[in-house]
Amino acid sequence: MKAAFKRSTIPKQLLGRDDEKATIKQFLTTHLKAKKGGSLYISGCPGAGKTAVVDEVISTLPLVRVRTVVLF
């Protein structure tokens, strides 16, 4: 049970965040279909689940290549 609270633990599915997921998915699909680059800035408090949301969206898309850059 303790592992669920470790920073490196990623849940199998994130509950909520539907609006955020839809925005990220729309951005990615639009840019991939157009074959053009782009940047999406995501900010929030530490531990809010920003990286987990992006990772979940990316895992659901049939993408060939995605490069993510995370700045701390």
PDB file of N, CA and C in Angstrom:
ATOM      1  N   MET A   1       0.820  -1.186   0.000  1.00  0.00           N
ATOM      2  CA  MET A   1       0.000   0.000   0.000  1.00  0.00           C
ATOM      3  C   MET A   1       0.870   1.257   0.000  1.00  0.00           C
ATOM      4  N   LYS A   2       1.996   1.197   0.673  1.00  0.00           N
ATOM      5  CA  LYS A   2       2.894   2.346   0.730  1.00  0.00           C
ATOM      6  C   LYS A   2       3.354   2.774  -0.660  1.00  0.00           C
ATOM      7  N   ALA A   3       3.515   1.816  -1.558  1.00  0.00           N
ATOM      8  CA  ALA A   3       4.008   2.105  -2.906  1.00  0.00           C
ATOM      9  C   ALA A   3       3.074   3.037  -3.664  1.00  0.00           C
ATOM     10  N   ALA A   4       1.804   3.032  -3.343  1.00  0.00           N
ATOM     11  CA  ALA A   4       0.838   3.884  -4.044  1.00  0.00           C
ATOM     12  C   ALA A   4       1.125   5.364  -3.819  1.00  0.00           C
ATOM     13  N   PHE A   5       1.861   5.690  -2.765  1.00  0.00           N
ATOM     14  CA  PHE A   5       2.138   7.086  -2.464  1.00  0.00           C
ATOM     15  C   PHE A   5       3.543   7.527  -2.849  1.00  0.00           C
ATOM     16  N   LYS A   6       4.324   6.628  -3.419  1.00  0.00           N
ATOM     17  CA  LYS A   6       5.659   7.001  -3.870  1.00  0.00           C
ATOM     18  C   LYS A   6       5.553   7.830  -5.130  1.00  0.00           C
ATOM     19  N   ARG A   7       6.465   8.759  -5.308  1.00  0.00           N
ATOM     20  CA  ARG A   7       6.463   9.649  -6.455  1.00  0.00           C
ATOM     21  C   ARG A   7       6.590   8.892  -7.783  1.00  0.00           C
ATOM     22  N   SER A   8       7.315   7.788  -7.776  1.00  0.00           N
ATOM     23  CA  SER A   8       7.547   7.053  -9.013  1.00  0.00           C
ATOM     24  C   SER A   8       6.402   6.112  -9.383  1.00  0.00           C
ATOM     25  N   THR A   9       5.399   6.015  -8.539  1.00  0.00           N
ATOM     26  CA  THR A   9       4.281   5.123  -8.810  1.00  0.00           C
ATOM     27  C   THR A   9       3.280   5.809  -9.723  1.00  0.00           C
ATOM     28  N   ILE A  10       2.958   5.144 -10.835  1.00  0.00           N
ATOM     29  CA  ILE A  10       1.989   5.686 -11.782  1.00  0.00           C
ATOM     30  C   ILE A  10       0.775   4.775 -11.781  1.00  0.00           C
ATOM     31  N   PRO A  11      -0.417   5.325 -11.526  1.00  0.00           N
ATOM     32  CA  PRO A  11      -1.611   4.484 -11.507  1.00  0.00           C
ATOM     33  C   PRO A  11      -1.917   3.920 -12.889  1.00  0.00           C
ATOM     34  N   LYS A  12      -2.645   2.816 -12.934  1.00  0.00           N
ATOM     35  CA  LYS A  12      -2.998   2.204 -14.213  1.00  0.00           C
ATOM     36  C   LYS A  12      -3.949   3.094 -15.005  1.00  0.00           C
ATOM     37  N   GLN A  13      -4.808   3.820 -14.318  1.00  0.00           N
ATOM     38  CA  GLN A  13      -5.741   4.729 -14.977  1.00  0.00           C
ATOM     39  C   GLN A  13      -5.986   5.918 -14.075  1.00  0.00           C
ATOM     40  N   LEU A  14      -5.976   7.104 -14.670  1.00  0.00           N
ATOM     41  CA  LEU A  14      -6.227   8.321 -13.912  1.00  0.00           C
ATOM     42  C   LEU A  14      -7.713   8.643 -13.957  1.00  0.00           C
ATOM     43  N   LEU A  15      -8.268   8.915 -12.829  1.00  0.00           N
ATOM     44  CA  LEU A  15      -9.675   9.296 -12.771  1.00  0.00           C
ATOM     45  C   LEU A  15      -9.789  10.810 -12.854  1.00  0.00           C
ATOM     46  N   GLY A  16     -10.802  11.281 -13.535  1.00  0.00           N
ATOM     47  CA  GLY A  16     -10.970  12.713 -13.710  1.00  0.00           C
ATOM     48  C   GLY A  16     -10.016  13.225 -14.770  1.00  0.00           C
ATOM     49  N   ARG A  17      -9.788  14.508 -14.786  1.00  0.00           N
ATOM     50  CA  ARG A  17      -8.873  15.134 -15.746  1.00  0.00           C
ATOM     51  C   ARG A  17      -9.327  14.938 -17.196  1.00  0.00           C
ATOM     52  N   ASP A  18     -10.625  14.704 -17.398  1.00  0.00           N
ATOM     53  CA  ASP A  18     -11.130  14.452 -18.744  1.00  0.00           C
ATOM     54  C   ASP A  18     -10.934  15.644 -19.674  1.00  0.00           C
ATOM     55  N   ASP A  19     -11.161  16.847 -19.172  1.00  0.00           N
ATOM     56  CA  ASP A  19     -10.972  18.046 -20.001  1.00  0.00           C
ATOM     57  C   ASP A  19      -9.511  18.207 -20.401  1.00  0.00           C
ATOM     58  N   GLU A  20      -8.620  17.984 -19.440  1.00  0.00           N
ATOM     59  CA  GLU A  20      -7.197  18.114 -19.715  1.00  0.00           C
ATOM     60  C   GLU A  20      -6.740  17.054 -20.722  1.00  0.00           C
ATOM     61  N   LYS A  21      -7.211  15.829 -20.547  1.00  0.00           N
ATOM     62  CA  LYS A  21      -6.857  14.749 -21.471  1.00  0.00           C
ATOM     63  C   LYS A  21      -7.332  15.076 -22.888  1.00  0.00           C
ATOM     64  N   ALA A  22      -8.557  15.584 -22.994  1.00  0.00           N
ATOM     65  CA  ALA A  22      -9.110  15.917 -24.313  1.00  0.00           C
ATOM     66  C   ALA A  22      -8.301  17.019 -24.983  1.00  0.00           C
ATOM     67  N   THR A  23      -7.879  18.014 -24.221  1.00  0.00           N
ATOM     68  CA  THR A  23      -7.079  19.110 -24.776  1.00  0.00           C
ATOM     69  C   THR A  23      -5.739  18.603 -25.284  1.00  0.00           C
ATOM     70  N   ILE A  24      -5.085  17.778 -24.507  1.00  0.00           N
ATOM     71  CA  ILE A  24      -3.783  17.228 -24.902  1.00  0.00           C
ATOM     72  C   ILE A  24      -3.936  16.331 -26.121  1.00  0.00           C
ATOM     73  N   LYS A  25      -4.953  15.480 -26.112  1.00  0.00           N
ATOM     74  CA  LYS A  25      -5.182  14.567 -27.241  1.00  0.00           C
ATOM     75  C   LYS A  25      -5.466  15.353 -28.518  1.00  0.00           C
ATOM     76  N   GLN A  26      -6.287  16.394 -28.430  1.00  0.00           N
ATOM     77  CA  GLN A  26      -6.602  17.214 -29.601  1.00  0.00           C
ATOM     78  C   GLN A  26      -5.342  17.877 -30.146  1.00  0.00           C
ATOM     79  N   PHE A  27      -4.525  18.418 -29.255  1.00  0.00           N
ATOM     80  CA  PHE A  27      -3.276  19.059 -29.674  1.00  0.00           C
ATOM     81  C   PHE A  27      -2.384  18.063 -30.414  1.00  0.00           C
ATOM     82  N   LEU A  28      -2.190  16.897 -29.832  1.00  0.00           N
ATOM     83  CA  LEU A  28      -1.303  15.901 -30.432  1.00  0.00           C
ATOM     84  C   LEU A  28      -1.827  15.397 -31.772  1.00  0.00           C
ATOM     85  N   THR A  29      -3.101  15.056 -31.835  1.00  0.00           N
ATOM     86  CA  THR A  29      -3.641  14.516 -33.082  1.00  0.00           C
ATOM     87  C   THR A  29      -3.631  15.558 -34.191  1.00  0.00           C
ATOM     88  N   THR A  30      -3.938  16.799 -33.859  1.00  0.00           N
ATOM     89  CA  THR A  30      -3.921  17.867 -34.863  1.00  0.00           C
ATOM     90  C   THR A  30      -2.524  18.043 -35.442  1.00  0.00           C
ATOM     91  N   HIS A  31      -1.528  18.108 -34.580  1.00  0.00           N
ATOM     92  CA  HIS A  31      -0.157  18.319 -35.038  1.00  0.00           C
ATOM     93  C   HIS A  31       0.412  17.104 -35.766  1.00  0.00           C
ATOM     94  N   LEU A  32       0.061  15.917 -35.318  1.00  0.00           N
ATOM     95  CA  LEU A  32       0.558  14.716 -35.983  1.00  0.00           C
ATOM     96  C   LEU A  32      -0.054  14.557 -37.378  1.00  0.00           C
ATOM     97  N   LYS A  33      -1.352  14.807 -37.499  1.00  0.00           N
ATOM     98  CA  LYS A  33      -1.997  14.706 -38.810  1.00  0.00           C
ATOM     99  C   LYS A  33      -1.437  15.722 -39.785  1.00  0.00           C
ATOM    100  N   ALA A  34      -1.131  16.917 -39.287  1.00  0.00           N
ATOM    101  CA  ALA A  34      -0.580  17.976 -40.133  1.00  0.00           C
ATOM    102  C   ALA A  34       0.922  17.805 -40.360  1.00  0.00           C
ATOM    103  N   LYS A  35       1.513  16.850 -39.653  1.00  0.00           N
ATOM    104  CA  LYS A  35       2.965  16.608 -39.723  1.00  0.00           C
ATOM    105  C   LYS A  35       3.754  17.886 -39.463  1.00  0.00           C
ATOM    106  N   LYS A  36       3.328  18.594 -38.409  1.00  0.00           N
ATOM    107  CA  LYS A  36       4.051  19.794 -38.020  1.00  0.00           C
ATOM    108  C   LYS A  36       4.337  19.749 -36.525  1.00  0.00           C
ATOM    109  N   GLY A  37       5.420  20.358 -36.166  1.00  0.00           N
ATOM    110  CA  GLY A  37       5.814  20.386 -34.763  1.00  0.00           C
ATOM    111  C   GLY A  37       4.980  21.373 -33.980  1.00  0.00           C
ATOM    112  N   GLY A  38       5.196  21.372 -32.709  1.00  0.00           N
ATOM    113  CA  GLY A  38       4.478  22.311 -31.851  1.00  0.00           C
ATOM    114  C   GLY A  38       4.913  22.130 -30.421  1.00  0.00           C
ATOM    115  N   SER A  39       4.467  23.026 -29.606  1.00  0.00           N
ATOM    116  CA  SER A  39       4.782  22.966 -28.180  1.00  0.00           C
ATOM    117  C   SER A  39       3.497  23.133 -27.383  1.00  0.00           C
ATOM    118  N   LEU A  40       3.411  22.412 -26.312  1.00  0.00           N
ATOM    119  CA  LEU A  40       2.275  22.512 -25.408  1.00  0.00           C
ATOM    120  C   LEU A  40       2.840  22.718 -24.016  1.00  0.00           C
ATOM    121  N   TYR A  41       2.519  23.843 -23.422  1.00  0.00           N
ATOM    122  CA  TYR A  41       3.026  24.169 -22.084  1.00  0.00           C
ATOM    123  C   TYR A  41       1.991  23.744 -21.058  1.00  0.00           C
ATOM    124  N   ILE A  42       2.416  22.909 -20.133  1.00  0.00           N
ATOM    125  CA  ILE A  42       1.531  22.431 -19.076  1.00  0.00           C
ATOM    126  C   ILE A  42       2.160  22.805 -17.748  1.00  0.00           C
ATOM    127  N   SER A  43       1.395  23.483 -16.920  1.00  0.00           N
ATOM    128  CA  SER A  43       1.946  23.880 -15.620  1.00  0.00           C
ATOM    129  C   SER A  43       0.960  23.505 -14.513  1.00  0.00           C
ATOM    130  N   GLY A  44       1.475  23.447 -13.308  1.00  0.00           N
ATOM    131  CA  GLY A  44       0.644  23.137 -12.155  1.00  0.00           C
ATOM    132  C   GLY A  44       1.519  22.836 -10.958  1.00  0.00           C
ATOM    133  N   CYS A  45       0.875  22.642  -9.852  1.00  0.00           N
ATOM    134  CA  CYS A  45       1.590  22.348  -8.607  1.00  0.00           C
ATOM    135  C   CYS A  45       2.294  20.996  -8.708  1.00  0.00           C
ATOM    136  N   PRO A  46       3.416  20.863  -7.996  1.00  0.00           N
ATOM    137  CA  PRO A  46       4.097  19.563  -7.971  1.00  0.00           C
ATOM    138  C   PRO A  46       3.150  18.477  -7.457  1.00  0.00           C
ATOM    139  N   GLY A  47       3.187  17.336  -8.125  1.00  0.00           N
ATOM    140  CA  GLY A  47       2.370  16.214  -7.685  1.00  0.00           C
ATOM    141  C   GLY A  47       0.934  16.249  -8.169  1.00  0.00           C
ATOM    142  N   ALA A  48       0.592  17.206  -9.024  1.00  0.00           N
ATOM    143  CA  ALA A  48      -0.793  17.331  -9.494  1.00  0.00           C
ATOM    144  C   ALA A  48      -1.143  16.281 -10.544  1.00  0.00           C
ATOM    145  N   GLY A  49      -0.138  15.631 -11.115  1.00  0.00           N
ATOM    146  CA  GLY A  49      -0.400  14.593 -12.099  1.00  0.00           C
ATOM    147  C   GLY A  49      -0.190  15.013 -13.536  1.00  0.00           C
ATOM    148  N   LYS A  50       0.559  16.078 -13.742  1.00  0.00           N
ATOM    149  CA  LYS A  50       0.785  16.590 -15.108  1.00  0.00           C
ATOM    150  C   LYS A  50       1.447  15.544 -15.996  1.00  0.00           C
ATOM    151  N   THR A  51       2.545  14.996 -15.552  1.00  0.00           N
ATOM    152  CA  THR A  51       3.275  14.003 -16.340  1.00  0.00           C
ATOM    153  C   THR A  51       2.440  12.748 -16.523  1.00  0.00           C
ATOM    154  N   ALA A  52       1.747  12.320 -15.501  1.00  0.00           N
ATOM    155  CA  ALA A  52       0.923  11.117 -15.590  1.00  0.00           C
ATOM    156  C   ALA A  52      -0.193  11.285 -16.615  1.00  0.00           C
ATOM    157  N   VAL A  53      -0.807  12.469 -16.671  1.00  0.00           N
ATOM    158  CA  VAL A  53      -1.874  12.723 -17.643  1.00  0.00           C
ATOM    159  C   VAL A  53      -1.315  12.671 -19.059  1.00  0.00           C
ATOM    160  N   VAL A  54      -0.191  13.327 -19.291  1.00  0.00           N
ATOM    161  CA  VAL A  54       0.417  13.326 -20.623  1.00  0.00           C
ATOM    162  C   VAL A  54       0.815  11.897 -21.016  1.00  0.00           C
ATOM    163  N   ASP A  55       1.435  11.171 -20.115  1.00  0.00           N
ATOM    164  CA  ASP A  55       1.839   9.791 -20.401  1.00  0.00           C
ATOM    165  C   ASP A  55       0.633   8.918 -20.744  1.00  0.00           C
ATOM    166  N   GLU A  56      -0.461   9.105 -20.019  1.00  0.00           N
ATOM    167  CA  GLU A  56      -1.662   8.313 -20.291  1.00  0.00           C
ATOM    168  C   GLU A  56      -2.227   8.626 -21.678  1.00  0.00           C
ATOM    169  N   VAL A  57      -2.295   9.898 -22.026  1.00  0.00           N
ATOM    170  CA  VAL A  57      -2.819  10.275 -23.340  1.00  0.00           C
ATOM    171  C   VAL A  57      -1.930   9.702 -24.441  1.00  0.00           C
ATOM    172  N   ILE A  58      -0.634   9.845 -24.301  1.00  0.00           N
ATOM    173  CA  ILE A  58       0.298   9.331 -25.315  1.00  0.00           C
ATOM    174  C   ILE A  58       0.147   7.820 -25.472  1.00  0.00           C
ATOM    175  N   SER A  59      -0.055   7.121 -24.372  1.00  0.00           N
ATOM    176  CA  SER A  59      -0.171   5.657 -24.438  1.00  0.00           C
ATOM    177  C   SER A  59      -1.438   5.212 -25.156  1.00  0.00           C
ATOM    178  N   THR A  60      -2.448   6.075 -25.263  1.00  0.00           N
ATOM    179  CA  THR A  60      -3.701   5.696 -25.916  1.00  0.00           C
ATOM    180  C   THR A  60      -3.712   6.024 -27.403  1.00  0.00           C
ATOM    181  N   LEU A  61      -2.729   6.761 -27.872  1.00  0.00           N
ATOM    182  CA  LEU A  61      -2.692   7.150 -29.278  1.00  0.00           C
ATOM    183  C   LEU A  61      -1.784   6.224 -30.072  1.00  0.00           C
ATOM    184  N   PRO A  62      -2.191   5.902 -31.297  1.00  0.00           N
ATOM    185  CA  PRO A  62      -1.329   5.068 -32.147  1.00  0.00           C
ATOM    186  C   PRO A  62      -0.252   5.931 -32.807  1.00  0.00           C
ATOM    187  N   LEU A  63       0.735   6.302 -32.034  1.00  0.00           N
ATOM    188  CA  LEU A  63       1.765   7.218 -32.513  1.00  0.00           C
ATOM    189  C   LEU A  63       2.998   6.460 -32.980  1.00  0.00           C
ATOM    190  N   VAL A  64       3.644   7.021 -33.961  1.00  0.00           N
ATOM    191  CA  VAL A  64       4.892   6.433 -34.431  1.00  0.00           C
ATOM    192  C   VAL A  64       6.036   6.885 -33.544  1.00  0.00           C
ATOM    193  N   ARG A  65       6.182   8.192 -33.395  1.00  0.00           N
ATOM    194  CA  ARG A  65       7.251   8.738 -32.555  1.00  0.00           C
ATOM    195  C   ARG A  65       6.737   9.965 -31.815  1.00  0.00           C
ATOM    196  N   VAL A  66       7.015  10.023 -30.560  1.00  0.00           N
ATOM    197  CA  VAL A  66       6.682  11.198 -29.759  1.00  0.00           C
ATOM    198  C   VAL A  66       7.884  11.496 -28.896  1.00  0.00           C
ATOM    199  N   ARG A  67       8.307  12.727 -28.903  1.00  0.00           N
ATOM    200  CA  ARG A  67       9.409  13.153 -28.050  1.00  0.00           C
ATOM    201  C   ARG A  67       8.820  14.081 -26.998  1.00  0.00           C
ATOM    202  N   THR A  68       9.007  13.741 -25.768  1.00  0.00           N
ATOM    203  CA  THR A  68       8.538  14.607 -24.693  1.00  0.00           C
ATOM    204  C   THR A  68       9.737  15.198 -23.982  1.00  0.00           C
ATOM    205  N   VAL A  69       9.604  16.433 -23.586  1.00  0.00           N
ATOM    206  CA  VAL A  69      10.641  17.123 -22.834  1.00  0.00           C
ATOM    207  C   VAL A  69      10.014  17.585 -21.541  1.00  0.00           C
ATOM    208  N   VAL A  70      10.615  17.205 -20.442  1.00  0.00           N
ATOM    209  CA  VAL A  70      10.116  17.583 -19.138  1.00  0.00           C
ATOM    210  C   VAL A  70      11.158  18.457 -18.474  1.00  0.00           C
ATOM    211  N   LEU A  71      10.765  19.649 -18.112  1.00  0.00           N
ATOM    212  CA  LEU A  71      11.668  20.579 -17.433  1.00  0.00           C
ATOM    213  C   LEU A  71      11.246  20.730 -15.993  1.00  0.00           C
ATOM    214  N   PHE A  72      12.198  20.610 -15.096  1.00  0.00           N
ATOM    215  CA  PHE A  72      11.907  20.766 -13.671  1.00  0.00           C
ATOM    216  C   PHE A  72      12.575  21.999 -13.149  1.00  0.00           C
TER     217      PHE A  72
END
